[in-house]
Each structure stands twice: as C-alpha cells, then as structure tokens.
Amino acid sequence: MDGRVQLIKALLALPLRPQTRRWRNPIPFPETFDGDTDRLPEFIVQTGAYMLVDETLFSSDALKVTFLITRLTGPALQWVIPYIRKESPLLNDYRGFLAEMKAKHPLHLGQEAPVIIEEGALLPDVGDHPLQGRPREAGDEERHLQGIAGEQGLVH
C-alpha cells in the first residue's frame, strides 16, 4: 500500500502538461510602422523576413496581412481601419495589401521598394540590373546579390 501511495504522490507532483518549448523565430520581431514613408521599405523587409522563416504560423495571406496590421500604429493604423470595417478582399491578399500600402505611403525619389521573393519565384536575369550592357560572366549573379545584401545592410 505504501508503494501505491508514493506512486500517486509522485504522479500528482508531475506537471499537468509537459513543458514543450515553442520554436523561436531567429529573425528579430519587426518594429511597428506609423506611416513614415522613409521606413516603409525597412518595415516590409522586416515583416517579410519574419514571416518567411515561420511559414507554419503564416500559412495564408490572411494571416500575413493580419500580422502586418498588428505592427501598424498611428496614421498607418488609422489608414487600415476602413479596410477592416468593410471587410475588404485585400485583407486576404498579401501582395495586394502591400501594393495598397505602397500606394498610400509612396516612396521618396531615390528609394527603391524591397523585392518580395516568394518560394519558387525566379530572380530576374542579371541583364535587367546594374550589370546590364556587358557580357554575363561566371559569378555575376552572386556579386549582384551580394551588392543588394550590402545595400540593405544584411552583410558587412
């Protein structure tokens, strides 16, 4: 009988649910966006990278748009409220929502919008970019991508 009592006490002392550690996204949590057009490219890159790494959580366009909305503040949040109230189809269209954000918060001259690369998408040919006008050489694509990464502050 003592053995059974000790076993019951030991079982009762165990946690009700085993401690499972949730996978942690290695990308820093994106900052909020208040509508400052100078910060829009950075915001799109931050949120896009964060969602790309955790495709299980952000498995649909609706979830991606919802996540973007949770990072909006101030005038940017006020801008999105009418879309929510009228249940706009853009709330289920990630690329369409981004296009609408870019239209509402246009970039200043000299700024480039970040490129959104989806899984399976093909990168543009090098001839469409700064290497245009000279013959393609081995390593051109890699040098071009390294240049972009350097401009975005992704490599030092």
N, C-alpha and C. Protein backbone atom coordinates (compact mmCIF):
# COMPACT_ATOMS: atom_id res chain seq x y z
N MET A 1 0.81 -1.20 0.00
CA MET A 1 0.00 0.00 0.00
C MET A 1 0.85 1.26 0.00
N ASP A 2 1.97 1.26 0.78
CA ASP A 2 2.84 2.43 0.81
C ASP A 2 3.40 2.74 -0.57
N GLY A 3 3.73 1.71 -1.32
CA GLY A 3 4.27 1.90 -2.67
C GLY A 3 3.26 2.59 -3.58
N ARG A 4 1.99 2.22 -3.43
CA ARG A 4 0.94 2.83 -4.25
C ARG A 4 0.73 4.29 -3.87
N VAL A 5 0.76 4.61 -2.59
CA VAL A 5 0.60 6.00 -2.12
C VAL A 5 1.76 6.85 -2.63
N GLN A 6 2.97 6.31 -2.55
CA GLN A 6 4.13 7.06 -3.03
C GLN A 6 4.03 7.30 -4.54
N LEU A 7 3.56 6.30 -5.28
CA LEU A 7 3.40 6.45 -6.72
C LEU A 7 2.37 7.53 -7.04
N ILE A 8 1.25 7.53 -6.33
CA ILE A 8 0.22 8.54 -6.56
C ILE A 8 0.75 9.93 -6.24
N LYS A 9 1.50 10.06 -5.13
CA LYS A 9 2.09 11.36 -4.77
C LYS A 9 3.07 11.82 -5.85
N ALA A 10 3.86 10.89 -6.35
CA ALA A 10 4.83 11.24 -7.40
C ALA A 10 4.11 11.68 -8.68
N LEU A 11 3.04 10.98 -9.03
CA LEU A 11 2.28 11.34 -10.23
C LEU A 11 1.61 12.70 -10.07
N LEU A 12 1.09 12.98 -8.87
CA LEU A 12 0.44 14.27 -8.62
C LEU A 12 1.45 15.42 -8.64
N ALA A 13 2.69 15.13 -8.34
CA ALA A 13 3.72 16.17 -8.33
C ALA A 13 4.18 16.54 -9.74
N LEU A 14 3.90 15.68 -10.72
CA LEU A 14 4.30 15.97 -12.09
C LEU A 14 3.45 17.10 -12.65
N PRO A 15 4.02 17.90 -13.56
CA PRO A 15 3.21 18.96 -14.20
C PRO A 15 2.08 18.33 -15.01
N LEU A 16 0.96 19.05 -15.08
CA LEU A 16 -0.19 18.53 -15.81
C LEU A 16 0.12 18.34 -17.29
N ARG A 17 0.92 19.23 -17.83
CA ARG A 17 1.25 19.15 -19.24
C ARG A 17 2.77 19.27 -19.35
N PRO A 18 3.37 18.41 -20.11
CA PRO A 18 4.83 18.51 -20.24
C PRO A 18 5.23 19.87 -20.80
N GLN A 19 6.32 20.39 -20.31
CA GLN A 19 6.82 21.67 -20.79
C GLN A 19 7.37 21.49 -22.19
N THR A 20 6.67 22.02 -23.16
CA THR A 20 7.17 21.96 -24.52
C THR A 20 7.67 23.35 -24.88
N ARG A 21 8.84 23.38 -25.42
CA ARG A 21 9.44 24.66 -25.77
C ARG A 21 9.06 24.98 -27.22
N ARG A 22 8.39 26.10 -27.41
CA ARG A 22 7.98 26.51 -28.75
C ARG A 22 9.20 26.98 -29.52
N TRP A 23 9.22 26.64 -30.79
CA TRP A 23 10.29 27.08 -31.67
C TRP A 23 10.33 28.60 -31.67
N ARG A 24 11.51 29.16 -31.59
CA ARG A 24 11.66 30.61 -31.55
C ARG A 24 12.21 31.10 -32.89
N ASN A 25 11.53 32.07 -33.47
CA ASN A 25 11.94 32.65 -34.74
C ASN A 25 13.27 33.37 -34.55
N PRO A 26 14.28 33.04 -35.35
CA PRO A 26 15.60 33.68 -35.19
C PRO A 26 15.64 35.12 -35.70
N ILE A 27 14.65 35.52 -36.49
CA ILE A 27 14.59 36.89 -37.01
C ILE A 27 14.01 37.79 -35.92
N PRO A 28 14.60 38.95 -35.67
CA PRO A 28 14.06 39.86 -34.65
C PRO A 28 12.61 40.24 -34.96
N PHE A 29 11.81 40.37 -33.90
CA PHE A 29 10.41 40.75 -34.07
C PHE A 29 10.35 42.13 -34.73
N PRO A 30 9.56 42.28 -35.80
CA PRO A 30 9.54 43.55 -36.54
C PRO A 30 9.06 44.73 -35.70
N GLU A 31 9.67 45.87 -35.98
CA GLU A 31 9.25 47.11 -35.32
C GLU A 31 7.89 47.52 -35.88
N THR A 32 7.25 48.46 -35.19
CA THR A 32 5.96 48.96 -35.66
C THR A 32 6.18 49.97 -36.78
N PHE A 33 5.12 50.21 -37.54
CA PHE A 33 5.16 51.17 -38.64
C PHE A 33 4.05 52.18 -38.43
N ASP A 34 4.41 53.47 -38.40
CA ASP A 34 3.44 54.53 -38.13
C ASP A 34 3.03 55.31 -39.37
N GLY A 35 3.52 54.90 -40.53
CA GLY A 35 3.18 55.60 -41.76
C GLY A 35 4.32 56.44 -42.31
N ASP A 36 5.45 56.49 -41.62
CA ASP A 36 6.62 57.23 -42.09
C ASP A 36 7.14 56.57 -43.36
N THR A 37 6.99 57.25 -44.50
CA THR A 37 7.34 56.64 -45.78
C THR A 37 8.82 56.26 -45.86
N ASP A 38 9.67 56.94 -45.14
CA ASP A 38 11.10 56.58 -45.15
C ASP A 38 11.34 55.20 -44.55
N ARG A 39 10.45 54.77 -43.68
CA ARG A 39 10.62 53.48 -43.00
C ARG A 39 9.86 52.33 -43.67
N LEU A 40 9.05 52.63 -44.68
CA LEU A 40 8.24 51.58 -45.30
C LEU A 40 9.08 50.43 -45.87
N PRO A 41 10.15 50.70 -46.64
CA PRO A 41 10.93 49.57 -47.16
C PRO A 41 11.49 48.69 -46.04
N GLU A 42 11.99 49.31 -44.99
CA GLU A 42 12.54 48.55 -43.85
C GLU A 42 11.44 47.71 -43.20
N PHE A 43 10.25 48.29 -43.04
CA PHE A 43 9.13 47.59 -42.43
C PHE A 43 8.75 46.36 -43.26
N ILE A 44 8.69 46.53 -44.58
CA ILE A 44 8.31 45.42 -45.45
C ILE A 44 9.35 44.31 -45.39
N VAL A 45 10.61 44.68 -45.38
CA VAL A 45 11.68 43.67 -45.31
C VAL A 45 11.63 42.95 -43.97
N GLN A 46 11.48 43.70 -42.86
CA GLN A 46 11.44 43.09 -41.52
C GLN A 46 10.29 42.10 -41.40
N THR A 47 9.09 42.54 -41.75
CA THR A 47 7.92 41.67 -41.59
C THR A 47 7.98 40.50 -42.55
N GLY A 48 8.43 40.75 -43.78
CA GLY A 48 8.53 39.67 -44.76
C GLY A 48 9.51 38.59 -44.33
N ALA A 49 10.67 39.01 -43.83
CA ALA A 49 11.68 38.04 -43.37
C ALA A 49 11.16 37.26 -42.18
N TYR A 50 10.50 37.94 -41.25
CA TYR A 50 9.98 37.29 -40.06
C TYR A 50 8.96 36.22 -40.44
N MET A 51 8.07 36.55 -41.39
CA MET A 51 7.04 35.59 -41.79
C MET A 51 7.61 34.46 -42.64
N LEU A 52 8.60 34.76 -43.46
CA LEU A 52 9.19 33.75 -44.34
C LEU A 52 9.84 32.62 -43.55
N VAL A 53 10.45 32.96 -42.43
CA VAL A 53 11.15 31.96 -41.61
C VAL A 53 10.16 31.05 -40.89
N ASP A 54 8.97 31.55 -40.60
CA ASP A 54 7.97 30.76 -39.86
C ASP A 54 6.73 30.53 -40.74
N GLU A 55 6.92 29.79 -41.83
CA GLU A 55 5.83 29.56 -42.78
C GLU A 55 4.67 28.77 -42.19
N THR A 56 4.92 28.01 -41.13
CA THR A 56 3.85 27.25 -40.50
C THR A 56 2.84 28.19 -39.85
N LEU A 57 3.34 29.20 -39.16
CA LEU A 57 2.46 30.15 -38.49
C LEU A 57 1.78 31.08 -39.49
N PHE A 58 2.52 31.51 -40.51
CA PHE A 58 1.99 32.44 -41.51
C PHE A 58 1.68 31.68 -42.80
N SER A 59 0.74 30.77 -42.70
CA SER A 59 0.46 29.84 -43.80
C SER A 59 -0.54 30.37 -44.83
N SER A 60 -1.14 31.52 -44.59
CA SER A 60 -2.10 32.07 -45.55
C SER A 60 -1.91 33.57 -45.68
N ASP A 61 -2.42 34.11 -46.77
CA ASP A 61 -2.35 35.56 -46.97
C ASP A 61 -3.08 36.31 -45.87
N ALA A 62 -4.21 35.77 -45.42
CA ALA A 62 -4.99 36.43 -44.37
C ALA A 62 -4.16 36.55 -43.08
N LEU A 63 -3.43 35.50 -42.74
CA LEU A 63 -2.59 35.55 -41.53
C LEU A 63 -1.44 36.54 -41.70
N LYS A 64 -0.87 36.60 -42.90
CA LYS A 64 0.22 37.56 -43.15
C LYS A 64 -0.28 38.99 -43.03
N VAL A 65 -1.43 39.28 -43.64
CA VAL A 65 -1.98 40.64 -43.58
C VAL A 65 -2.34 40.98 -42.14
N THR A 66 -2.93 40.04 -41.42
CA THR A 66 -3.27 40.27 -40.01
C THR A 66 -2.03 40.61 -39.21
N PHE A 67 -0.94 39.89 -39.45
CA PHE A 67 0.31 40.18 -38.75
C PHE A 67 0.80 41.59 -39.08
N LEU A 68 0.76 41.96 -40.36
CA LEU A 68 1.16 43.32 -40.73
C LEU A 68 0.33 44.35 -39.97
N ILE A 69 -0.97 44.13 -39.91
CA ILE A 69 -1.86 45.09 -39.25
C ILE A 69 -1.52 45.22 -37.77
N THR A 70 -1.11 44.12 -37.13
CA THR A 70 -0.76 44.20 -35.70
C THR A 70 0.49 45.04 -35.48
N ARG A 71 1.28 45.28 -36.50
CA ARG A 71 2.50 46.07 -36.38
C ARG A 71 2.28 47.53 -36.78
N LEU A 72 1.06 47.91 -37.16
CA LEU A 72 0.76 49.29 -37.55
C LEU A 72 0.35 50.11 -36.34
N THR A 73 0.77 51.38 -36.34
CA THR A 73 0.38 52.32 -35.29
C THR A 73 0.05 53.67 -35.93
N GLY A 74 -0.49 54.57 -35.14
CA GLY A 74 -0.72 55.95 -35.57
C GLY A 74 -1.47 56.06 -36.88
N PRO A 75 -0.99 56.95 -37.78
CA PRO A 75 -1.68 57.16 -39.06
C PRO A 75 -1.78 55.89 -39.91
N ALA A 76 -0.79 55.03 -39.85
CA ALA A 76 -0.86 53.78 -40.64
C ALA A 76 -2.00 52.90 -40.14
N LEU A 77 -2.20 52.85 -38.84
CA LEU A 77 -3.30 52.06 -38.29
C LEU A 77 -4.64 52.71 -38.65
N GLN A 78 -4.71 54.03 -38.58
CA GLN A 78 -5.94 54.73 -38.97
C GLN A 78 -6.27 54.47 -40.44
N TRP A 79 -5.23 54.38 -41.27
CA TRP A 79 -5.43 54.13 -42.70
C TRP A 79 -6.09 52.77 -42.94
N VAL A 80 -5.74 51.75 -42.15
CA VAL A 80 -6.22 50.39 -42.40
C VAL A 80 -7.62 50.13 -41.82
N ILE A 81 -8.06 50.93 -40.87
CA ILE A 81 -9.35 50.68 -40.20
C ILE A 81 -10.52 50.59 -41.19
N PRO A 82 -10.64 51.49 -42.19
CA PRO A 82 -11.76 51.34 -43.14
C PRO A 82 -11.74 50.00 -43.90
N TYR A 83 -10.56 49.49 -44.19
CA TYR A 83 -10.46 48.20 -44.88
C TYR A 83 -11.01 47.08 -43.99
N ILE A 84 -10.73 47.19 -42.70
CA ILE A 84 -11.22 46.19 -41.75
C ILE A 84 -12.74 46.29 -41.62
N ARG A 85 -13.24 47.52 -41.48
CA ARG A 85 -14.68 47.73 -41.30
C ARG A 85 -15.49 47.20 -42.48
N LYS A 86 -14.99 47.41 -43.70
CA LYS A 86 -15.76 46.95 -44.87
C LYS A 86 -15.36 45.54 -45.30
N GLU A 87 -14.52 44.87 -44.48
CA GLU A 87 -14.06 43.51 -44.77
C GLU A 87 -13.52 43.40 -46.20
N SER A 88 -12.60 44.28 -46.51
CA SER A 88 -12.01 44.36 -47.84
C SER A 88 -11.36 43.03 -48.24
N PRO A 89 -11.48 42.66 -49.51
CA PRO A 89 -10.79 41.46 -50.00
C PRO A 89 -9.27 41.56 -49.86
N LEU A 90 -8.75 42.78 -49.75
CA LEU A 90 -7.30 42.95 -49.58
C LEU A 90 -6.80 42.33 -48.27
N LEU A 91 -7.70 42.13 -47.32
CA LEU A 91 -7.30 41.52 -46.05
C LEU A 91 -6.94 40.05 -46.23
N ASN A 92 -7.28 39.49 -47.39
CA ASN A 92 -6.94 38.10 -47.71
C ASN A 92 -5.96 38.01 -48.88
N ASP A 93 -5.32 39.14 -49.20
CA ASP A 93 -4.42 39.21 -50.36
C ASP A 93 -3.15 39.96 -49.94
N TYR A 94 -2.14 39.20 -49.53
CA TYR A 94 -0.90 39.79 -49.00
C TYR A 94 -0.24 40.74 -50.01
N ARG A 95 -0.03 40.29 -51.26
CA ARG A 95 0.62 41.15 -52.24
C ARG A 95 -0.24 42.36 -52.57
N GLY A 96 -1.54 42.18 -52.66
CA GLY A 96 -2.44 43.30 -52.92
C GLY A 96 -2.42 44.31 -51.78
N PHE A 97 -2.39 43.80 -50.55
CA PHE A 97 -2.33 44.68 -49.38
C PHE A 97 -1.03 45.49 -49.38
N LEU A 98 0.09 44.83 -49.69
CA LEU A 98 1.37 45.54 -49.76
C LEU A 98 1.33 46.61 -50.86
N ALA A 99 0.75 46.27 -52.00
CA ALA A 99 0.65 47.25 -53.09
C ALA A 99 -0.17 48.46 -52.66
N GLU A 100 -1.23 48.21 -51.92
CA GLU A 100 -2.07 49.31 -51.42
C GLU A 100 -1.30 50.15 -50.40
N MET A 101 -0.53 49.50 -49.54
CA MET A 101 0.31 50.24 -48.57
C MET A 101 1.31 51.12 -49.30
N LYS A 102 1.94 50.57 -50.33
CA LYS A 102 2.93 51.34 -51.09
C LYS A 102 2.28 52.52 -51.80
N ALA A 103 1.05 52.33 -52.28
CA ALA A 103 0.34 53.42 -52.96
C ALA A 103 -0.03 54.51 -51.96
N LYS A 104 -0.41 54.13 -50.76
CA LYS A 104 -0.79 55.10 -49.73
C LYS A 104 0.42 55.79 -49.13
N HIS A 105 1.53 55.09 -49.04
CA HIS A 105 2.76 55.63 -48.45
C HIS A 105 3.85 55.59 -49.51
N PRO A 106 3.76 56.45 -50.55
CA PRO A 106 4.72 56.37 -51.66
C PRO A 106 6.15 56.65 -51.20
N LEU A 107 7.07 55.98 -51.86
CA LEU A 107 8.49 56.16 -51.55
C LEU A 107 8.97 57.48 -52.13
N HIS A 108 9.94 58.07 -51.48
CA HIS A 108 10.54 59.29 -51.99
C HIS A 108 11.44 58.96 -53.16
N LEU A 109 11.76 59.96 -53.96
CA LEU A 109 12.66 59.75 -55.09
C LEU A 109 13.98 59.19 -54.59
N GLY A 110 14.51 58.26 -55.32
CA GLY A 110 15.79 57.66 -54.94
C GLY A 110 15.65 56.42 -54.09
N GLN A 111 14.47 56.17 -53.54
CA GLN A 111 14.26 54.96 -52.75
C GLN A 111 13.75 53.86 -53.65
N GLU A 112 14.15 52.66 -53.37
CA GLU A 112 13.64 51.51 -54.11
C GLU A 112 12.80 50.66 -53.18
N ALA A 113 11.70 50.17 -53.72
CA ALA A 113 10.86 49.27 -52.92
C ALA A 113 11.58 47.94 -52.79
N PRO A 114 11.47 47.30 -51.62
CA PRO A 114 12.10 46.00 -51.47
C PRO A 114 11.43 44.96 -52.36
N VAL A 115 12.22 44.04 -52.82
CA VAL A 115 11.70 42.96 -53.66
C VAL A 115 11.19 41.86 -52.75
N ILE A 116 10.00 41.39 -53.00
CA ILE A 116 9.43 40.31 -52.21
C ILE A 116 9.64 39.03 -53.00
N ILE A 117 10.42 38.14 -52.45
CA ILE A 117 10.71 36.88 -53.13
C ILE A 117 9.90 35.78 -52.47
N GLU A 118 9.00 35.20 -53.24
CA GLU A 118 8.19 34.12 -52.71
C GLU A 118 8.86 32.79 -53.03
N GLU A 119 8.48 31.78 -52.30
CA GLU A 119 9.03 30.45 -52.53
C GLU A 119 8.76 30.03 -53.97
N GLY A 120 9.80 29.57 -54.65
CA GLY A 120 9.66 29.12 -56.02
C GLY A 120 9.75 30.23 -57.05
N ALA A 121 9.85 31.49 -56.61
CA ALA A 121 9.93 32.60 -57.56
C ALA A 121 11.31 32.62 -58.20
N LEU A 122 11.34 33.06 -59.44
CA LEU A 122 12.61 33.17 -60.14
C LEU A 122 13.13 34.59 -59.98
N LEU A 123 14.41 34.70 -59.72
CA LEU A 123 15.02 36.02 -59.65
C LEU A 123 15.18 36.56 -61.06
N PRO A 124 15.11 37.88 -61.23
CA PRO A 124 15.26 38.45 -62.57
C PRO A 124 16.65 38.18 -63.13
N ASP A 125 16.73 38.17 -64.46
CA ASP A 125 18.00 37.97 -65.13
C ASP A 125 18.93 39.13 -64.81
N VAL A 126 20.21 38.87 -64.72
CA VAL A 126 21.20 39.90 -64.40
C VAL A 126 21.13 41.04 -65.40
N GLY A 127 20.76 40.76 -66.65
CA GLY A 127 20.70 41.79 -67.67
C GLY A 127 19.71 42.89 -67.36
N ASP A 128 18.78 42.66 -66.45
CA ASP A 128 17.80 43.67 -66.06
C ASP A 128 18.32 44.58 -64.97
N HIS A 129 19.53 44.39 -64.53
CA HIS A 129 20.04 45.08 -63.36
C HIS A 129 21.34 45.81 -63.65
N PRO A 130 22.07 46.24 -62.63
CA PRO A 130 23.26 47.06 -62.84
C PRO A 130 24.32 46.45 -63.77
N LEU A 131 24.29 45.17 -64.00
CA LEU A 131 25.28 44.55 -64.87
C LEU A 131 24.86 44.60 -66.34
N GLN A 132 23.75 45.27 -66.61
CA GLN A 132 23.22 45.35 -67.96
C GLN A 132 24.25 46.03 -68.88
N GLY A 133 24.34 45.56 -70.11
CA GLY A 133 25.20 46.22 -71.08
C GLY A 133 26.57 45.59 -71.21
N ARG A 134 26.86 44.57 -70.45
CA ARG A 134 28.14 43.89 -70.63
C ARG A 134 27.88 42.39 -70.61
N PRO A 135 28.76 41.63 -71.20
CA PRO A 135 28.54 40.18 -71.26
C PRO A 135 28.45 39.57 -69.86
N ARG A 136 27.60 38.60 -69.75
CA ARG A 136 27.45 37.88 -68.49
C ARG A 136 28.68 37.03 -68.22
N GLU A 137 29.14 37.07 -66.99
CA GLU A 137 30.30 36.28 -66.61
C GLU A 137 29.93 35.39 -65.43
N ALA A 138 30.74 34.36 -65.23
CA ALA A 138 30.53 33.48 -64.08
C ALA A 138 30.62 34.31 -62.81
N GLY A 139 29.69 34.13 -61.92
CA GLY A 139 29.70 34.84 -60.64
C GLY A 139 28.95 36.16 -60.65
N ASP A 140 28.43 36.60 -61.82
CA ASP A 140 27.70 37.86 -61.88
C ASP A 140 26.51 37.89 -60.92
N GLU A 141 25.71 36.81 -60.93
CA GLU A 141 24.52 36.78 -60.08
C GLU A 141 24.90 36.88 -58.61
N GLU A 142 25.94 36.14 -58.23
CA GLU A 142 26.36 36.16 -56.82
C GLU A 142 26.85 37.55 -56.43
N ARG A 143 27.65 38.19 -57.30
CA ARG A 143 28.15 39.54 -56.99
C ARG A 143 26.99 40.52 -56.89
N HIS A 144 26.01 40.38 -57.78
CA HIS A 144 24.85 41.28 -57.76
C HIS A 144 24.06 41.10 -56.47
N LEU A 145 23.80 39.86 -56.07
CA LEU A 145 23.05 39.60 -54.84
C LEU A 145 23.82 40.08 -53.62
N GLN A 146 25.15 39.92 -53.62
CA GLN A 146 25.95 40.41 -52.50
C GLN A 146 25.87 41.93 -52.42
N GLY A 147 25.85 42.58 -53.59
CA GLY A 147 25.71 44.04 -53.61
C GLY A 147 24.39 44.49 -53.02
N ILE A 148 23.32 43.80 -53.39
CA ILE A 148 22.00 44.12 -52.84
C ILE A 148 21.99 43.91 -51.33
N ALA A 149 22.53 42.78 -50.90
CA ALA A 149 22.57 42.48 -49.46
C ALA A 149 23.36 43.55 -48.72
N GLY A 150 24.45 44.02 -49.30
CA GLY A 150 25.25 45.07 -48.67
C GLY A 150 24.48 46.37 -48.57
N GLU A 151 23.75 46.73 -49.64
CA GLU A 151 22.94 47.95 -49.62
C GLU A 151 21.85 47.87 -48.56
N GLN A 152 21.29 46.69 -48.35
CA GLN A 152 20.23 46.51 -47.37
C GLN A 152 20.79 46.35 -45.96
N GLY A 153 22.12 46.33 -45.82
CA GLY A 153 22.73 46.18 -44.50
C GLY A 153 22.69 44.75 -43.99
N LEU A 154 22.52 43.79 -44.90
CA LEU A 154 22.41 42.40 -44.48
C LEU A 154 23.77 41.74 -44.32
N VAL A 155 24.80 42.31 -44.96
CA VAL A 155 26.16 41.81 -44.80
C VAL A 155 27.08 42.99 -44.55
N HIS A 156 28.19 42.73 -43.93
CA HIS A 156 29.13 43.81 -43.62
C HIS A 156 30.39 43.68 -44.42
